[in-house]
Amino acid sequence: MIADTVPSYRLANDWVGRLLGVFTLTPYDDWRRAHAIHHANAGHLDRRGVGDINTLTVREFQALAVRGRLRYRLYRHPLVVFGLGPAYQFLLRRRLPIGSIRGGWHAWISAMATNFAIAVAATTLIWFIGIGPFLLVHCP
């Protein structure tokens, strides 16, 4: 009996996720796929890369040239990890999921639908409250 109701919950969960994706600036279908891969491979050193912050082992770090070590240290700096990284993810990478096209067109359609919904929401807010208050809230 419970198995018969699972698809309706899944459908509802997917649409709630898509709606919340507009508020979090994250295309839900692309995120769901990448997040599932990330959790399936988290902590597995041979399957790193999807949804991860690059982390090297001590041996891998020591094998890098000086330039590579500097790049890695800059990449892992808190200003990058907590400032530039999220800005890049949510304002640029998630708008055009070029790397996710391998998973099919579903991720691309999800991103474009989310972008459209964000544009509609922003336009509506600007219409009602004006550009000044909108930018004062959203720019910081």
N, C-alpha and C. Protein backbone atom coordinates (compact mmCIF):
# COMPACT_ATOMS: atom_id res chain seq x y z
N MET A 1 0.81 -1.20 0.00
CA MET A 1 0.00 0.00 0.00
C MET A 1 0.85 1.26 0.00
N ILE A 2 1.90 1.29 0.82
CA ILE A 2 2.74 2.48 0.89
C ILE A 2 3.45 2.71 -0.44
N ALA A 3 3.86 1.65 -1.10
CA ALA A 3 4.56 1.78 -2.38
C ALA A 3 3.71 2.49 -3.42
N ASP A 4 2.38 2.35 -3.32
CA ASP A 4 1.49 3.01 -4.28
C ASP A 4 1.48 4.53 -4.10
N THR A 5 1.78 5.02 -2.88
CA THR A 5 1.73 6.45 -2.63
C THR A 5 3.07 7.14 -2.84
N VAL A 6 4.13 6.39 -2.98
CA VAL A 6 5.46 6.98 -3.11
C VAL A 6 5.58 7.90 -4.32
N PRO A 7 5.09 7.51 -5.50
CA PRO A 7 5.24 8.42 -6.65
C PRO A 7 4.58 9.78 -6.43
N SER A 8 3.42 9.83 -5.76
CA SER A 8 2.78 11.13 -5.54
C SER A 8 3.62 11.99 -4.60
N TYR A 9 4.22 11.38 -3.58
CA TYR A 9 5.11 12.13 -2.70
C TYR A 9 6.34 12.61 -3.47
N ARG A 10 6.87 11.77 -4.31
CA ARG A 10 8.04 12.13 -5.10
C ARG A 10 7.74 13.32 -6.01
N LEU A 11 6.58 13.27 -6.65
CA LEU A 11 6.17 14.36 -7.53
C LEU A 11 6.01 15.66 -6.73
N ALA A 12 5.35 15.57 -5.57
CA ALA A 12 5.17 16.76 -4.73
C ALA A 12 6.52 17.28 -4.24
N ASN A 13 7.40 16.38 -3.81
CA ASN A 13 8.73 16.77 -3.35
C ASN A 13 9.51 17.47 -4.46
N ASP A 14 9.42 16.93 -5.67
CA ASP A 14 10.13 17.53 -6.80
C ASP A 14 9.63 18.94 -7.07
N TRP A 15 8.33 19.17 -7.04
CA TRP A 15 7.81 20.51 -7.33
C TRP A 15 8.08 21.49 -6.20
N VAL A 16 8.05 21.01 -4.96
CA VAL A 16 8.45 21.88 -3.84
C VAL A 16 9.93 22.24 -3.98
N GLY A 17 10.75 21.27 -4.35
CA GLY A 17 12.18 21.53 -4.58
C GLY A 17 12.41 22.53 -5.68
N ARG A 18 11.65 22.43 -6.75
CA ARG A 18 11.80 23.38 -7.86
C ARG A 18 11.39 24.79 -7.43
N LEU A 19 10.32 24.90 -6.64
CA LEU A 19 9.89 26.20 -6.14
C LEU A 19 10.94 26.79 -5.21
N LEU A 20 11.44 25.99 -4.29
CA LEU A 20 12.46 26.47 -3.36
C LEU A 20 13.77 26.79 -4.08
N GLY A 21 14.02 26.11 -5.20
CA GLY A 21 15.20 26.38 -6.01
C GLY A 21 15.25 27.81 -6.53
N VAL A 22 14.07 28.40 -6.75
CA VAL A 22 14.02 29.80 -7.19
C VAL A 22 14.55 30.69 -6.07
N PHE A 23 14.17 30.40 -4.82
CA PHE A 23 14.60 31.23 -3.69
C PHE A 23 16.07 31.01 -3.33
N THR A 24 16.57 29.81 -3.58
CA THR A 24 17.98 29.52 -3.27
C THR A 24 18.89 29.71 -4.48
N LEU A 25 18.32 30.15 -5.61
CA LEU A 25 19.06 30.38 -6.86
C LEU A 25 19.74 29.11 -7.36
N THR A 26 19.10 27.97 -7.14
CA THR A 26 19.68 26.68 -7.50
C THR A 26 18.69 25.86 -8.32
N PRO A 27 19.00 25.52 -9.56
CA PRO A 27 18.12 24.65 -10.35
C PRO A 27 18.00 23.28 -9.67
N TYR A 28 16.79 22.93 -9.27
CA TYR A 28 16.56 21.75 -8.45
C TYR A 28 17.00 20.46 -9.12
N ASP A 29 16.62 20.23 -10.36
CA ASP A 29 16.92 18.95 -11.00
C ASP A 29 18.42 18.71 -11.15
N ASP A 30 19.15 19.74 -11.50
CA ASP A 30 20.61 19.64 -11.59
C ASP A 30 21.21 19.39 -10.20
N TRP A 31 20.72 20.13 -9.20
CA TRP A 31 21.23 19.98 -7.84
C TRP A 31 20.93 18.59 -7.31
N ARG A 32 19.71 18.08 -7.54
CA ARG A 32 19.34 16.75 -7.03
C ARG A 32 20.27 15.68 -7.58
N ARG A 33 20.57 15.74 -8.85
CA ARG A 33 21.46 14.76 -9.48
C ARG A 33 22.88 14.87 -8.91
N ALA A 34 23.41 16.10 -8.88
CA ALA A 34 24.78 16.30 -8.38
C ALA A 34 24.89 15.96 -6.90
N HIS A 35 23.86 16.27 -6.13
CA HIS A 35 23.89 16.00 -4.69
C HIS A 35 23.85 14.50 -4.42
N ALA A 36 23.07 13.77 -5.20
CA ALA A 36 23.03 12.32 -5.05
C ALA A 36 24.39 11.70 -5.39
N ILE A 37 25.02 12.17 -6.45
CA ILE A 37 26.36 11.68 -6.80
C ILE A 37 27.34 12.02 -5.71
N HIS A 38 27.27 13.24 -5.19
CA HIS A 38 28.17 13.66 -4.12
C HIS A 38 28.03 12.75 -2.90
N HIS A 39 26.81 12.47 -2.48
CA HIS A 39 26.63 11.62 -1.30
C HIS A 39 27.00 10.17 -1.57
N ALA A 40 26.88 9.73 -2.78
CA ALA A 40 27.28 8.37 -3.11
C ALA A 40 28.80 8.22 -3.10
N ASN A 41 29.52 9.31 -3.31
CA ASN A 41 30.98 9.25 -3.43
C ASN A 41 31.73 10.00 -2.34
N ALA A 42 31.04 10.63 -1.42
CA ALA A 42 31.70 11.45 -0.39
C ALA A 42 32.69 10.59 0.41
N GLY A 43 33.90 11.08 0.52
CA GLY A 43 34.93 10.38 1.27
C GLY A 43 35.66 9.30 0.48
N HIS A 44 35.26 9.06 -0.75
CA HIS A 44 35.90 8.04 -1.59
C HIS A 44 36.95 8.75 -2.44
N LEU A 45 38.20 8.58 -2.11
CA LEU A 45 39.27 9.34 -2.76
C LEU A 45 39.40 9.07 -4.25
N ASP A 46 38.96 7.92 -4.70
CA ASP A 46 39.07 7.61 -6.13
C ASP A 46 37.90 8.16 -6.94
N ARG A 47 36.87 8.68 -6.27
CA ARG A 47 35.70 9.20 -6.99
C ARG A 47 35.38 10.63 -6.55
N ARG A 48 36.38 11.45 -6.45
CA ARG A 48 36.17 12.84 -6.05
C ARG A 48 35.73 13.68 -7.24
N GLY A 49 35.09 14.82 -6.92
CA GLY A 49 34.85 15.78 -7.98
C GLY A 49 33.46 16.33 -8.10
N VAL A 50 32.41 15.55 -7.90
CA VAL A 50 31.06 16.06 -8.09
C VAL A 50 30.54 16.60 -6.77
N GLY A 51 30.32 17.92 -6.72
CA GLY A 51 29.77 18.54 -5.53
C GLY A 51 30.76 18.70 -4.40
N ASP A 52 32.02 18.51 -4.66
CA ASP A 52 33.04 18.58 -3.62
C ASP A 52 33.85 19.86 -3.72
N ILE A 53 34.39 20.27 -2.59
CA ILE A 53 35.46 21.25 -2.58
C ILE A 53 36.72 20.42 -2.73
N ASN A 54 37.55 20.74 -3.70
CA ASN A 54 38.75 19.93 -3.93
C ASN A 54 39.57 19.81 -2.66
N THR A 55 39.86 18.59 -2.28
CA THR A 55 40.66 18.31 -1.11
C THR A 55 41.73 17.31 -1.51
N LEU A 56 42.98 17.64 -1.22
CA LEU A 56 44.09 16.76 -1.55
C LEU A 56 44.58 16.04 -0.31
N THR A 57 45.12 14.87 -0.52
CA THR A 57 45.80 14.18 0.56
C THR A 57 47.16 14.87 0.76
N VAL A 58 47.80 14.58 1.88
CA VAL A 58 49.11 15.17 2.14
C VAL A 58 50.08 14.77 1.04
N ARG A 59 50.04 13.53 0.64
CA ARG A 59 50.94 13.05 -0.41
C ARG A 59 50.69 13.77 -1.73
N GLU A 60 49.41 13.97 -2.09
CA GLU A 60 49.08 14.69 -3.32
C GLU A 60 49.55 16.15 -3.24
N PHE A 61 49.36 16.78 -2.09
CA PHE A 61 49.79 18.17 -1.91
C PHE A 61 51.30 18.28 -2.05
N GLN A 62 52.03 17.36 -1.41
CA GLN A 62 53.50 17.40 -1.46
C GLN A 62 54.03 17.12 -2.85
N ALA A 63 53.26 16.42 -3.66
CA ALA A 63 53.68 16.13 -5.03
C ALA A 63 53.50 17.34 -5.97
N LEU A 64 52.76 18.34 -5.53
CA LEU A 64 52.54 19.53 -6.36
C LEU A 64 53.79 20.39 -6.43
N ALA A 65 53.92 21.10 -7.54
CA ALA A 65 54.97 22.11 -7.66
C ALA A 65 54.59 23.29 -6.78
N VAL A 66 55.51 24.20 -6.58
CA VAL A 66 55.27 25.36 -5.72
C VAL A 66 54.05 26.15 -6.20
N ARG A 67 53.94 26.33 -7.50
CA ARG A 67 52.80 27.06 -8.06
C ARG A 67 51.48 26.33 -7.77
N GLY A 68 51.47 25.02 -7.88
CA GLY A 68 50.29 24.22 -7.59
C GLY A 68 49.90 24.31 -6.12
N ARG A 69 50.90 24.28 -5.24
CA ARG A 69 50.62 24.42 -3.80
C ARG A 69 50.03 25.78 -3.49
N LEU A 70 50.55 26.83 -4.11
CA LEU A 70 50.02 28.17 -3.90
C LEU A 70 48.58 28.27 -4.39
N ARG A 71 48.32 27.73 -5.59
CA ARG A 71 46.95 27.73 -6.12
C ARG A 71 46.00 26.99 -5.18
N TYR A 72 46.44 25.83 -4.69
CA TYR A 72 45.61 25.04 -3.77
C TYR A 72 45.34 25.81 -2.48
N ARG A 73 46.35 26.45 -1.92
CA ARG A 73 46.16 27.23 -0.69
C ARG A 73 45.22 28.42 -0.91
N LEU A 74 45.35 29.08 -2.05
CA LEU A 74 44.44 30.19 -2.36
C LEU A 74 43.01 29.68 -2.55
N TYR A 75 42.88 28.56 -3.22
CA TYR A 75 41.57 27.94 -3.45
C TYR A 75 40.89 27.59 -2.14
N ARG A 76 41.66 27.10 -1.17
CA ARG A 76 41.11 26.68 0.12
C ARG A 76 41.03 27.81 1.16
N HIS A 77 41.43 29.03 0.80
CA HIS A 77 41.36 30.15 1.73
C HIS A 77 39.90 30.46 2.06
N PRO A 78 39.59 30.79 3.32
CA PRO A 78 38.20 31.06 3.71
C PRO A 78 37.49 32.13 2.87
N LEU A 79 38.21 33.16 2.41
CA LEU A 79 37.57 34.17 1.58
C LEU A 79 37.09 33.59 0.24
N VAL A 80 37.83 32.62 -0.25
CA VAL A 80 37.43 31.98 -1.51
C VAL A 80 36.33 30.95 -1.24
N VAL A 81 36.54 30.08 -0.25
CA VAL A 81 35.59 29.00 0.03
C VAL A 81 34.23 29.55 0.48
N PHE A 82 34.24 30.62 1.29
CA PHE A 82 32.98 31.14 1.82
C PHE A 82 32.52 32.44 1.14
N GLY A 83 33.32 33.02 0.28
CA GLY A 83 32.94 34.26 -0.39
C GLY A 83 32.84 34.12 -1.89
N LEU A 84 34.00 34.03 -2.54
CA LEU A 84 34.01 33.94 -4.00
C LEU A 84 33.38 32.65 -4.52
N GLY A 85 33.64 31.54 -3.84
CA GLY A 85 33.10 30.25 -4.29
C GLY A 85 31.59 30.23 -4.37
N PRO A 86 30.88 30.57 -3.27
CA PRO A 86 29.42 30.60 -3.33
C PRO A 86 28.89 31.62 -4.35
N ALA A 87 29.53 32.78 -4.44
CA ALA A 87 29.09 33.77 -5.43
C ALA A 87 29.21 33.19 -6.83
N TYR A 88 30.31 32.53 -7.11
CA TYR A 88 30.49 31.88 -8.42
C TYR A 88 29.42 30.81 -8.64
N GLN A 89 29.20 29.95 -7.63
CA GLN A 89 28.24 28.85 -7.77
C GLN A 89 26.83 29.35 -8.07
N PHE A 90 26.36 30.31 -7.26
CA PHE A 90 24.96 30.70 -7.35
C PHE A 90 24.67 31.78 -8.38
N LEU A 91 25.64 32.64 -8.66
CA LEU A 91 25.39 33.72 -9.61
C LEU A 91 25.86 33.42 -11.02
N LEU A 92 26.78 32.48 -11.19
CA LEU A 92 27.31 32.21 -12.52
C LEU A 92 27.13 30.75 -12.94
N ARG A 93 27.73 29.83 -12.20
CA ARG A 93 27.74 28.42 -12.62
C ARG A 93 26.34 27.82 -12.72
N ARG A 94 25.50 28.09 -11.74
CA ARG A 94 24.15 27.52 -11.74
C ARG A 94 23.24 28.17 -12.77
N ARG A 95 23.60 29.31 -13.29
CA ARG A 95 22.78 29.96 -14.32
C ARG A 95 22.93 29.23 -15.66
N LEU A 96 24.13 28.73 -15.96
CA LEU A 96 24.39 27.98 -17.19
C LEU A 96 25.14 26.70 -16.83
N PRO A 97 24.42 25.62 -16.56
CA PRO A 97 25.08 24.38 -16.11
C PRO A 97 25.74 23.62 -17.25
N ILE A 98 26.78 24.22 -17.82
CA ILE A 98 27.43 23.65 -19.00
C ILE A 98 28.03 22.28 -18.68
N GLY A 99 28.65 22.11 -17.52
CA GLY A 99 29.24 20.83 -17.16
C GLY A 99 28.21 19.75 -16.89
N SER A 100 26.96 20.14 -16.63
CA SER A 100 25.92 19.17 -16.31
C SER A 100 25.19 18.65 -17.54
N ILE A 101 25.53 19.14 -18.71
CA ILE A 101 24.84 18.74 -19.93
C ILE A 101 25.04 17.24 -20.21
N ARG A 102 26.10 16.64 -19.64
CA ARG A 102 26.33 15.21 -19.82
C ARG A 102 25.19 14.39 -19.24
N GLY A 103 24.51 14.93 -18.22
CA GLY A 103 23.39 14.22 -17.61
C GLY A 103 22.11 14.32 -18.43
N GLY A 104 22.17 14.95 -19.58
CA GLY A 104 21.00 15.11 -20.44
C GLY A 104 20.50 16.54 -20.40
N TRP A 105 19.48 16.78 -21.20
CA TRP A 105 18.92 18.13 -21.32
C TRP A 105 18.07 18.52 -20.13
N HIS A 106 17.73 17.57 -19.28
CA HIS A 106 16.88 17.86 -18.13
C HIS A 106 17.51 18.92 -17.23
N ALA A 107 18.81 18.82 -16.99
CA ALA A 107 19.50 19.79 -16.14
C ALA A 107 19.48 21.17 -16.80
N TRP A 108 19.67 21.23 -18.10
CA TRP A 108 19.67 22.51 -18.81
C TRP A 108 18.28 23.15 -18.75
N ILE A 109 17.25 22.36 -18.99
CA ILE A 109 15.88 22.88 -18.94
C ILE A 109 15.56 23.37 -17.53
N SER A 110 15.98 22.60 -16.53
CA SER A 110 15.76 23.00 -15.14
C SER A 110 16.43 24.33 -14.84
N ALA A 111 17.65 24.51 -15.30
CA ALA A 111 18.38 25.76 -15.07
C ALA A 111 17.69 26.93 -15.77
N MET A 112 17.29 26.74 -17.00
CA MET A 112 16.64 27.82 -17.73
C MET A 112 15.28 28.17 -17.12
N ALA A 113 14.52 27.16 -16.68
CA ALA A 113 13.23 27.42 -16.02
C ALA A 113 13.45 28.16 -14.70
N THR A 114 14.48 27.77 -13.96
CA THR A 114 14.79 28.47 -12.71
C THR A 114 15.22 29.90 -12.99
N ASN A 115 16.05 30.10 -13.99
CA ASN A 115 16.47 31.46 -14.37
C ASN A 115 15.26 32.32 -14.74
N PHE A 116 14.34 31.75 -15.49
CA PHE A 116 13.14 32.47 -15.89
C PHE A 116 12.30 32.83 -14.66
N ALA A 117 12.14 31.88 -13.75
CA ALA A 117 11.35 32.13 -12.54
C ALA A 117 12.02 33.20 -11.66
N ILE A 118 13.35 33.17 -11.57
CA ILE A 118 14.08 34.20 -10.81
C ILE A 118 13.87 35.57 -11.46
N ALA A 119 13.93 35.63 -12.78
CA ALA A 119 13.72 36.90 -13.48
C ALA A 119 12.30 37.42 -13.25
N VAL A 120 11.31 36.54 -13.27
CA VAL A 120 9.93 36.95 -13.02
C VAL A 120 9.78 37.45 -11.59
N ALA A 121 10.36 36.73 -10.63
CA ALA A 121 10.27 37.14 -9.22
C ALA A 121 10.97 38.49 -9.01
N ALA A 122 12.16 38.66 -9.58
CA ALA A 122 12.89 39.92 -9.43
C ALA A 122 12.13 41.07 -10.07
N THR A 123 11.60 40.85 -11.26
CA THR A 123 10.83 41.89 -11.95
C THR A 123 9.60 42.28 -11.15
N THR A 124 8.92 41.29 -10.58
CA THR A 124 7.74 41.56 -9.77
C THR A 124 8.10 42.37 -8.53
N LEU A 125 9.18 41.98 -7.87
CA LEU A 125 9.62 42.73 -6.68
C LEU A 125 10.00 44.16 -7.04
N ILE A 126 10.74 44.32 -8.12
CA ILE A 126 11.14 45.67 -8.54
C ILE A 126 9.91 46.51 -8.89
N TRP A 127 8.93 45.89 -9.51
CA TRP A 127 7.70 46.59 -9.87
C TRP A 127 6.99 47.12 -8.62
N PHE A 128 6.93 46.28 -7.56
CA PHE A 128 6.19 46.66 -6.36
C PHE A 128 6.98 47.54 -5.39
N ILE A 129 8.28 47.29 -5.23
CA ILE A 129 9.04 48.04 -4.20
C ILE A 129 10.04 49.02 -4.80
N GLY A 130 10.34 48.90 -6.08
CA GLY A 130 11.30 49.79 -6.72
C GLY A 130 12.68 49.19 -6.77
N ILE A 131 13.49 49.73 -7.66
CA ILE A 131 14.85 49.18 -7.88
C ILE A 131 15.77 49.45 -6.70
N GLY A 132 15.65 50.63 -6.08
CA GLY A 132 16.52 50.98 -4.97
C GLY A 132 16.42 50.00 -3.79
N PRO A 133 15.22 49.81 -3.24
CA PRO A 133 15.09 48.86 -2.13
C PRO A 133 15.45 47.43 -2.54
N PHE A 134 15.12 47.07 -3.78
CA PHE A 134 15.48 45.72 -4.25
C PHE A 134 16.99 45.52 -4.20
N LEU A 135 17.74 46.48 -4.73
CA LEU A 135 19.21 46.36 -4.74
C LEU A 135 19.79 46.45 -3.32
N LEU A 136 19.18 47.26 -2.46
CA LEU A 136 19.67 47.35 -1.07
C LEU A 136 19.55 46.02 -0.34
N VAL A 137 18.53 45.26 -0.67
CA VAL A 137 18.33 43.95 -0.03
C VAL A 137 19.19 42.87 -0.69
N HIS A 138 19.24 42.86 -2.01
CA HIS A 138 19.85 41.73 -2.72
C HIS A 138 21.35 41.87 -3.00
N CYS A 139 21.85 43.06 -3.08
CA CYS A 139 23.28 43.20 -3.40
C CYS A 139 24.22 42.76 -2.26
N PRO A 140 23.93 43.09 -1.02
CA PRO A 140 24.86 42.64 0.04
C PRO A 140 24.91 41.14 0.11
